[in-house]
Structure formats: C-alpha cells, structure tokens
N, C-alpha and C. Protein backbone atom coordinates (compact mmCIF):
# COMPACT_ATOMS: atom_id res chain seq x y z
N ARG A 1 18.00 -96.62 -56.20
CA ARG A 1 17.22 -97.72 -56.73
C ARG A 1 17.21 -98.92 -55.80
N ASP A 2 18.28 -99.10 -55.06
CA ASP A 2 18.40 -100.28 -54.23
C ASP A 2 17.69 -100.16 -52.87
N VAL A 3 17.20 -98.98 -52.55
CA VAL A 3 16.52 -98.79 -51.27
C VAL A 3 15.10 -99.32 -51.40
N LYS A 4 14.71 -100.16 -50.46
CA LYS A 4 13.36 -100.73 -50.48
C LYS A 4 12.33 -99.68 -50.12
N ALA A 5 11.07 -99.96 -50.43
CA ALA A 5 10.00 -98.98 -50.29
C ALA A 5 9.85 -98.44 -48.87
N ARG A 6 9.73 -99.32 -47.92
CA ARG A 6 9.49 -98.87 -46.54
C ARG A 6 10.64 -98.03 -45.98
N PRO A 7 11.90 -98.47 -46.12
CA PRO A 7 13.00 -97.63 -45.65
C PRO A 7 13.07 -96.28 -46.39
N ALA A 8 12.72 -96.28 -47.67
CA ALA A 8 12.73 -95.02 -48.43
C ALA A 8 11.69 -94.06 -47.86
N MET A 9 10.49 -94.57 -47.62
CA MET A 9 9.44 -93.71 -47.05
C MET A 9 9.81 -93.23 -45.65
N LEU A 10 10.37 -94.12 -44.84
CA LEU A 10 10.77 -93.74 -43.48
C LEU A 10 11.87 -92.69 -43.51
N ALA A 11 12.85 -92.85 -44.41
CA ALA A 11 13.91 -91.84 -44.54
C ALA A 11 13.33 -90.50 -44.96
N GLY A 12 12.37 -90.53 -45.89
CA GLY A 12 11.73 -89.29 -46.31
C GLY A 12 11.01 -88.61 -45.15
N LEU A 13 10.32 -89.41 -44.35
CA LEU A 13 9.62 -88.85 -43.18
C LEU A 13 10.61 -88.27 -42.17
N ILE A 14 11.71 -88.96 -41.96
CA ILE A 14 12.71 -88.50 -40.99
C ILE A 14 13.37 -87.20 -41.46
N LEU A 15 13.58 -87.06 -42.77
CA LEU A 15 14.21 -85.85 -43.31
C LEU A 15 13.26 -84.64 -43.36
N THR A 16 11.97 -84.89 -43.32
CA THR A 16 11.00 -83.79 -43.47
C THR A 16 11.10 -82.74 -42.36
N PRO A 17 11.03 -83.09 -41.07
CA PRO A 17 11.09 -82.04 -40.05
C PRO A 17 12.36 -81.18 -40.09
N PRO A 18 13.56 -81.78 -40.21
CA PRO A 18 14.73 -80.89 -40.27
C PRO A 18 14.74 -80.02 -41.53
N GLY A 19 14.27 -80.57 -42.64
CA GLY A 19 14.20 -79.77 -43.86
C GLY A 19 13.27 -78.58 -43.70
N LEU A 20 12.11 -78.83 -43.12
CA LEU A 20 11.16 -77.73 -42.88
C LEU A 20 11.72 -76.73 -41.87
N GLY A 21 12.42 -77.24 -40.85
CA GLY A 21 13.05 -76.35 -39.88
C GLY A 21 14.08 -75.44 -40.53
N LEU A 22 14.86 -76.01 -41.44
CA LEU A 22 15.85 -75.20 -42.17
C LEU A 22 15.18 -74.14 -43.03
N LEU A 23 14.08 -74.52 -43.68
CA LEU A 23 13.37 -73.53 -44.51
C LEU A 23 12.76 -72.42 -43.66
N ALA A 24 12.21 -72.78 -42.50
CA ALA A 24 11.64 -71.77 -41.61
C ALA A 24 12.75 -70.84 -41.09
N ALA A 25 13.89 -71.42 -40.75
CA ALA A 25 15.02 -70.61 -40.28
C ALA A 25 15.53 -69.71 -41.41
N ALA A 26 15.57 -70.24 -42.62
CA ALA A 26 16.02 -69.44 -43.76
C ALA A 26 15.11 -68.25 -43.98
N GLN A 27 13.81 -68.46 -43.82
CA GLN A 27 12.87 -67.35 -43.99
C GLN A 27 13.04 -66.32 -42.87
N ALA A 28 13.16 -66.80 -41.64
CA ALA A 28 13.28 -65.89 -40.50
C ALA A 28 14.57 -65.08 -40.55
N LEU A 29 15.64 -65.71 -41.03
CA LEU A 29 16.96 -65.06 -41.06
C LEU A 29 17.29 -64.45 -42.41
N ALA A 30 16.40 -64.62 -43.39
CA ALA A 30 16.65 -64.16 -44.76
C ALA A 30 17.99 -64.69 -45.27
N SER A 31 18.19 -66.00 -45.11
CA SER A 31 19.46 -66.65 -45.43
C SER A 31 19.32 -67.52 -46.67
N ALA A 32 19.98 -67.12 -47.75
CA ALA A 32 19.97 -67.93 -48.97
C ALA A 32 20.68 -69.27 -48.77
N PRO A 33 21.83 -69.33 -48.09
CA PRO A 33 22.47 -70.65 -47.89
C PRO A 33 21.57 -71.62 -47.13
N LEU A 34 20.90 -71.14 -46.07
CA LEU A 34 19.99 -72.01 -45.34
C LEU A 34 18.84 -72.47 -46.23
N MET A 35 18.38 -71.56 -47.09
CA MET A 35 17.29 -71.93 -47.99
C MET A 35 17.73 -73.01 -48.96
N LEU A 36 18.93 -72.92 -49.48
CA LEU A 36 19.44 -73.94 -50.40
C LEU A 36 19.59 -75.29 -49.70
N ILE A 37 20.10 -75.26 -48.48
CA ILE A 37 20.27 -76.51 -47.73
C ILE A 37 18.89 -77.10 -47.39
N GLY A 38 17.99 -76.26 -46.91
CA GLY A 38 16.64 -76.72 -46.57
C GLY A 38 15.90 -77.26 -47.78
N THR A 39 16.05 -76.60 -48.92
CA THR A 39 15.42 -77.06 -50.15
C THR A 39 15.99 -78.41 -50.57
N THR A 40 17.29 -78.57 -50.41
CA THR A 40 17.93 -79.85 -50.76
C THR A 40 17.43 -80.97 -49.86
N VAL A 41 17.35 -80.71 -48.56
CA VAL A 41 16.87 -81.73 -47.62
C VAL A 41 15.40 -82.07 -47.90
N CYS A 42 14.58 -81.05 -48.12
CA CYS A 42 13.16 -81.29 -48.42
C CYS A 42 13.00 -82.01 -49.77
N GLY A 43 13.84 -81.68 -50.73
CA GLY A 43 13.79 -82.36 -52.02
C GLY A 43 14.13 -83.84 -51.88
N ALA A 44 15.15 -84.13 -51.09
CA ALA A 44 15.51 -85.54 -50.84
C ALA A 44 14.39 -86.26 -50.12
N ALA A 45 13.78 -85.59 -49.14
CA ALA A 45 12.67 -86.19 -48.40
C ALA A 45 11.51 -86.50 -49.34
N SER A 46 11.18 -85.56 -50.20
CA SER A 46 10.07 -85.77 -51.14
C SER A 46 10.39 -86.89 -52.12
N ALA A 47 11.60 -86.90 -52.65
CA ALA A 47 11.98 -87.92 -53.62
C ALA A 47 11.91 -89.32 -52.99
N LEU A 48 12.43 -89.47 -51.79
CA LEU A 48 12.39 -90.76 -51.12
C LEU A 48 10.95 -91.18 -50.82
N SER A 49 10.14 -90.22 -50.39
CA SER A 49 8.75 -90.53 -50.07
C SER A 49 7.97 -90.94 -51.32
N TYR A 50 8.12 -90.18 -52.39
CA TYR A 50 7.43 -90.52 -53.64
C TYR A 50 7.87 -91.89 -54.15
N ARG A 51 9.18 -92.12 -54.15
CA ARG A 51 9.71 -93.37 -54.66
C ARG A 51 9.22 -94.55 -53.84
N GLY A 52 9.28 -94.42 -52.53
CA GLY A 52 8.82 -95.49 -51.66
C GLY A 52 7.33 -95.73 -51.77
N GLY A 53 6.56 -94.66 -51.86
CA GLY A 53 5.11 -94.79 -51.99
C GLY A 53 4.71 -95.46 -53.29
N LEU A 54 5.35 -95.06 -54.38
CA LEU A 54 5.03 -95.66 -55.67
C LEU A 54 5.44 -97.13 -55.70
N ALA A 55 6.58 -97.45 -55.14
CA ALA A 55 7.01 -98.85 -55.08
C ALA A 55 6.02 -99.69 -54.27
N SER A 56 5.53 -99.14 -53.17
CA SER A 56 4.54 -99.85 -52.35
C SER A 56 3.24 -100.04 -53.11
N ALA A 57 2.79 -98.99 -53.78
CA ALA A 57 1.56 -99.09 -54.55
C ALA A 57 1.69 -100.13 -55.66
N ASN A 58 2.83 -100.11 -56.34
CA ASN A 58 3.05 -101.10 -57.41
C ASN A 58 3.11 -102.52 -56.86
N ALA A 59 3.69 -102.69 -55.70
CA ALA A 59 3.79 -104.02 -55.10
C ALA A 59 2.43 -104.56 -54.70
N LEU A 60 1.53 -103.68 -54.30
CA LEU A 60 0.21 -104.10 -53.86
C LEU A 60 -0.76 -104.30 -55.02
N ALA A 61 -0.50 -103.64 -56.14
CA ALA A 61 -1.43 -103.66 -57.27
C ALA A 61 -1.28 -104.95 -58.07
N PRO A 62 -2.40 -105.52 -58.50
CA PRO A 62 -2.29 -106.65 -59.43
C PRO A 62 -1.62 -106.17 -60.72
N GLY A 63 -0.86 -107.03 -61.36
CA GLY A 63 -0.10 -106.67 -62.55
C GLY A 63 -0.91 -105.98 -63.62
N GLU A 64 -2.13 -106.45 -63.84
CA GLU A 64 -2.96 -105.87 -64.90
C GLU A 64 -3.57 -104.52 -64.50
N GLN A 65 -3.40 -104.10 -63.26
CA GLN A 65 -3.96 -102.82 -62.82
C GLN A 65 -2.89 -101.83 -62.35
N ARG A 66 -1.63 -102.10 -62.61
CA ARG A 66 -0.56 -101.21 -62.14
C ARG A 66 -0.67 -99.81 -62.72
N ALA A 67 -1.03 -99.70 -63.99
CA ALA A 67 -1.14 -98.36 -64.61
C ALA A 67 -2.23 -97.55 -63.92
N GLU A 68 -3.36 -98.17 -63.63
CA GLU A 68 -4.45 -97.46 -62.96
C GLU A 68 -4.05 -97.05 -61.54
N VAL A 69 -3.39 -97.96 -60.85
CA VAL A 69 -2.95 -97.66 -59.47
C VAL A 69 -1.91 -96.55 -59.48
N ALA A 70 -0.94 -96.62 -60.39
CA ALA A 70 0.09 -95.57 -60.47
C ALA A 70 -0.54 -94.23 -60.81
N SER A 71 -1.49 -94.21 -61.73
CA SER A 71 -2.17 -92.95 -62.08
C SER A 71 -2.90 -92.38 -60.88
N SER A 72 -3.60 -93.24 -60.15
CA SER A 72 -4.32 -92.78 -58.96
C SER A 72 -3.35 -92.27 -57.90
N TYR A 73 -2.23 -92.95 -57.77
CA TYR A 73 -1.20 -92.52 -56.82
C TYR A 73 -0.73 -91.11 -57.15
N PHE A 74 -0.43 -90.87 -58.42
CA PHE A 74 0.05 -89.55 -58.81
C PHE A 74 -1.01 -88.47 -58.66
N VAL A 75 -2.27 -88.77 -58.94
CA VAL A 75 -3.35 -87.80 -58.73
C VAL A 75 -3.40 -87.42 -57.25
N CYS A 76 -3.33 -88.42 -56.38
CA CYS A 76 -3.34 -88.14 -54.93
C CYS A 76 -2.13 -87.31 -54.52
N CYS A 77 -0.97 -87.63 -55.08
CA CYS A 77 0.24 -86.86 -54.75
C CYS A 77 0.11 -85.41 -55.21
N PHE A 78 -0.39 -85.21 -56.42
CA PHE A 78 -0.52 -83.85 -56.94
C PHE A 78 -1.53 -83.05 -56.13
N LEU A 79 -2.63 -83.68 -55.75
CA LEU A 79 -3.60 -83.00 -54.89
C LEU A 79 -3.01 -82.74 -53.51
N GLY A 80 -2.23 -83.69 -53.03
CA GLY A 80 -1.57 -83.52 -51.73
C GLY A 80 -0.56 -82.39 -51.74
N ASN A 81 -0.01 -82.08 -52.90
CA ASN A 81 0.89 -80.94 -53.03
C ASN A 81 0.13 -79.64 -53.21
N ALA A 82 -0.90 -79.66 -54.03
CA ALA A 82 -1.59 -78.43 -54.41
C ALA A 82 -2.51 -77.89 -53.32
N LEU A 83 -3.32 -78.75 -52.74
CA LEU A 83 -4.33 -78.27 -51.79
C LEU A 83 -3.74 -77.57 -50.56
N PRO A 84 -2.69 -78.12 -49.93
CA PRO A 84 -2.11 -77.39 -48.80
C PRO A 84 -1.52 -76.04 -49.20
N ILE A 85 -0.95 -75.94 -50.39
CA ILE A 85 -0.39 -74.67 -50.83
C ILE A 85 -1.49 -73.63 -51.02
N ILE A 86 -2.62 -74.06 -51.54
CA ILE A 86 -3.76 -73.15 -51.67
C ILE A 86 -4.21 -72.70 -50.28
N GLY A 87 -4.23 -73.63 -49.34
CA GLY A 87 -4.59 -73.29 -47.96
C GLY A 87 -3.60 -72.32 -47.33
N VAL A 88 -2.32 -72.52 -47.57
CA VAL A 88 -1.30 -71.61 -47.03
C VAL A 88 -1.46 -70.23 -47.65
N ALA A 89 -1.76 -70.18 -48.93
CA ALA A 89 -1.97 -68.88 -49.59
C ALA A 89 -3.14 -68.15 -48.95
N ALA A 90 -4.23 -68.86 -48.69
CA ALA A 90 -5.39 -68.23 -48.05
C ALA A 90 -5.04 -67.80 -46.63
N LEU A 91 -4.33 -68.64 -45.89
CA LEU A 91 -3.94 -68.29 -44.52
C LEU A 91 -2.99 -67.10 -44.51
N SER A 92 -2.10 -67.03 -45.49
CA SER A 92 -1.15 -65.91 -45.53
C SER A 92 -1.86 -64.58 -45.77
N GLN A 93 -2.99 -64.61 -46.46
CA GLN A 93 -3.78 -63.39 -46.64
C GLN A 93 -4.32 -62.88 -45.31
N ALA A 94 -4.67 -63.81 -44.43
CA ALA A 94 -5.25 -63.44 -43.15
C ALA A 94 -4.22 -63.16 -42.08
N SER A 95 -3.08 -63.89 -42.12
CA SER A 95 -2.16 -63.80 -40.99
C SER A 95 -0.76 -63.34 -41.36
N GLY A 96 -0.46 -63.27 -42.64
CA GLY A 96 0.89 -62.92 -43.08
C GLY A 96 1.64 -64.17 -43.50
N VAL A 97 2.61 -63.96 -44.36
CA VAL A 97 3.33 -65.07 -44.98
C VAL A 97 4.13 -65.87 -43.95
N GLN A 98 4.87 -65.20 -43.08
CA GLN A 98 5.72 -65.94 -42.14
C GLN A 98 4.91 -66.79 -41.19
N ILE A 99 3.81 -66.27 -40.68
CA ILE A 99 2.98 -67.06 -39.76
C ILE A 99 2.37 -68.24 -40.49
N ALA A 100 1.86 -68.00 -41.69
CA ALA A 100 1.26 -69.09 -42.48
C ALA A 100 2.29 -70.17 -42.79
N ASP A 101 3.48 -69.77 -43.17
CA ASP A 101 4.53 -70.74 -43.46
C ASP A 101 4.91 -71.55 -42.23
N ARG A 102 4.98 -70.89 -41.08
CA ARG A 102 5.33 -71.60 -39.85
C ARG A 102 4.22 -72.58 -39.44
N ILE A 103 2.98 -72.18 -39.62
CA ILE A 103 1.87 -73.09 -39.31
C ILE A 103 1.92 -74.30 -40.24
N PHE A 104 2.18 -74.05 -41.52
CA PHE A 104 2.29 -75.13 -42.51
C PHE A 104 3.43 -76.07 -42.14
N ALA A 105 4.60 -75.52 -41.82
CA ALA A 105 5.75 -76.34 -41.45
C ALA A 105 5.45 -77.15 -40.19
N ALA A 106 4.81 -76.52 -39.22
CA ALA A 106 4.47 -77.24 -37.98
C ALA A 106 3.48 -78.37 -38.25
N ALA A 107 2.47 -78.10 -39.07
CA ALA A 107 1.48 -79.13 -39.38
C ALA A 107 2.12 -80.30 -40.11
N LEU A 108 2.99 -80.01 -41.08
CA LEU A 108 3.67 -81.09 -41.80
C LEU A 108 4.61 -81.87 -40.88
N THR A 109 5.25 -81.18 -39.96
CA THR A 109 6.14 -81.85 -39.01
C THR A 109 5.34 -82.79 -38.12
N VAL A 110 4.19 -82.34 -37.64
CA VAL A 110 3.34 -83.20 -36.81
C VAL A 110 2.89 -84.43 -37.61
N LEU A 111 2.49 -84.22 -38.86
CA LEU A 111 2.08 -85.35 -39.70
C LEU A 111 3.24 -86.33 -39.93
N ALA A 112 4.43 -85.80 -40.20
CA ALA A 112 5.59 -86.66 -40.41
C ALA A 112 5.92 -87.45 -39.15
N LEU A 113 5.90 -86.79 -38.00
CA LEU A 113 6.19 -87.49 -36.74
C LEU A 113 5.14 -88.55 -36.42
N ALA A 114 3.87 -88.24 -36.72
CA ALA A 114 2.80 -89.23 -36.52
C ALA A 114 3.00 -90.43 -37.44
N ALA A 115 3.39 -90.17 -38.68
CA ALA A 115 3.62 -91.26 -39.63
C ALA A 115 4.82 -92.11 -39.20
N ILE A 116 5.87 -91.46 -38.69
CA ILE A 116 7.02 -92.21 -38.18
C ILE A 116 6.59 -93.09 -37.01
N ALA A 117 5.80 -92.53 -36.10
CA ALA A 117 5.32 -93.30 -34.94
C ALA A 117 4.48 -94.49 -35.40
N CYS A 118 3.60 -94.28 -36.37
CA CYS A 118 2.79 -95.39 -36.89
C CYS A 118 3.67 -96.43 -37.56
N ASN A 119 4.67 -95.98 -38.29
CA ASN A 119 5.59 -96.91 -38.95
C ASN A 119 6.28 -97.79 -37.93
N LEU A 120 6.72 -97.19 -36.86
CA LEU A 120 7.43 -97.96 -35.82
C LEU A 120 6.47 -98.85 -35.03
N ALA A 121 5.26 -98.37 -34.79
CA ALA A 121 4.30 -99.14 -34.01
C ALA A 121 3.76 -100.33 -34.78
N PHE A 122 3.62 -100.18 -36.09
CA PHE A 122 3.00 -101.23 -36.88
C PHE A 122 3.95 -101.91 -37.84
N ARG A 123 5.24 -101.82 -37.57
CA ARG A 123 6.19 -102.45 -38.49
C ARG A 123 6.01 -103.96 -38.46
N GLU A 124 6.39 -104.55 -39.57
CA GLU A 124 6.25 -105.99 -39.71
C GLU A 124 7.21 -106.70 -38.76
N LYS A 125 6.70 -107.68 -38.09
CA LYS A 125 7.52 -108.49 -37.20
C LYS A 125 8.14 -109.61 -38.03
N LYS A 126 9.45 -109.79 -37.87
CA LYS A 126 10.12 -110.88 -38.57
C LYS A 126 9.91 -112.15 -37.77
N PRO A 127 9.60 -113.24 -38.46
CA PRO A 127 9.41 -114.50 -37.71
C PRO A 127 10.72 -114.94 -37.07
N SER A 128 10.60 -115.44 -35.86
CA SER A 128 11.80 -115.90 -35.16
C SER A 128 12.12 -117.33 -35.60
N ALA A 129 13.37 -117.72 -35.42
CA ALA A 129 13.82 -119.06 -35.82
C ALA A 129 13.12 -120.14 -34.99
N SER A 130 12.67 -119.78 -33.80
CA SER A 130 12.03 -120.77 -32.94
C SER A 130 10.51 -120.68 -32.99
N GLY A 131 10.00 -119.91 -33.95
CA GLY A 131 8.56 -119.73 -34.07
C GLY A 131 7.88 -120.94 -34.67
N PRO A 132 6.57 -120.82 -34.91
CA PRO A 132 5.79 -121.94 -35.44
C PRO A 132 6.36 -122.41 -36.78
N GLY A 133 6.32 -123.68 -37.00
CA GLY A 133 6.74 -124.25 -38.26
C GLY A 133 8.24 -124.44 -38.39
N THR A 134 8.98 -124.34 -37.29
CA THR A 134 10.43 -124.48 -37.37
C THR A 134 10.90 -125.79 -36.74
N GLY A 135 10.08 -126.77 -36.78
CA GLY A 135 10.56 -128.06 -36.44
C GLY A 135 10.35 -128.57 -35.13
C-alpha cells in the first residue's frame, strides 16, 4: 500500500522479463518448480503494474469521474489480457505451443523494456534548490 504509483509500475515492468524467462525455461525443461517461481514473479509483476496503473488513473481523474475512469481502466486491462491470449492460441495452431509461447514472451519482454526506457527517459525532474523561485 505504501508504494507510490510510478515505482510500483516500474517494479512490475522490471519483474516482467525475468518472470517470463522463468516461465519459458519451465516449459522448455518441463520443470514444475521453475513454473511456480515464474508464476510467482509474473504475479507480483502484474499486481504491481495493476496497482500502480490504477493509482495513476485515480490521481489523474477528477473526483466526480473516478468510477468511470476506474471502469475504463479495468476494461482496458481485461482486453489487454484477453486479446494477446487469443492471438497466442491462434499462433499456436500454426506454429506449435512452445514457439507461440516464446514469441509471446519475447514480445512482452520487448514491450516491458521499451516501457522501462520511456519511464527513465521521461521521468519527472525534481526542481533543484538553486532553480527558479529560490531566492
């Protein structure tokens, strides 16, 4: 609860690639322990991302429109979960499950790394003590 929105989202993004890597390794090695660890890491990544995203949406929404904004946020999240899975299912029919899963994991990893890069490139600059308006 005490983690602010931006650090929560960034932590979720940072945890995504290793979590996906663990899941891909678990599938390749048929390892239940790796799958449990990968699922735990991916679950933490998702929870932090959802929590941070919702907190950001709530902070940006006017008080009288928070319910509408939160509802829209959840619709986008649910579509963001469902549509790629449907795509992976279609791809797995054409290429096989392992290849489709690896393509999905690679695509999500690229998206997570791009989001991390954007986060770092566009992070808010803290005003310096000697900046404008300091006397």
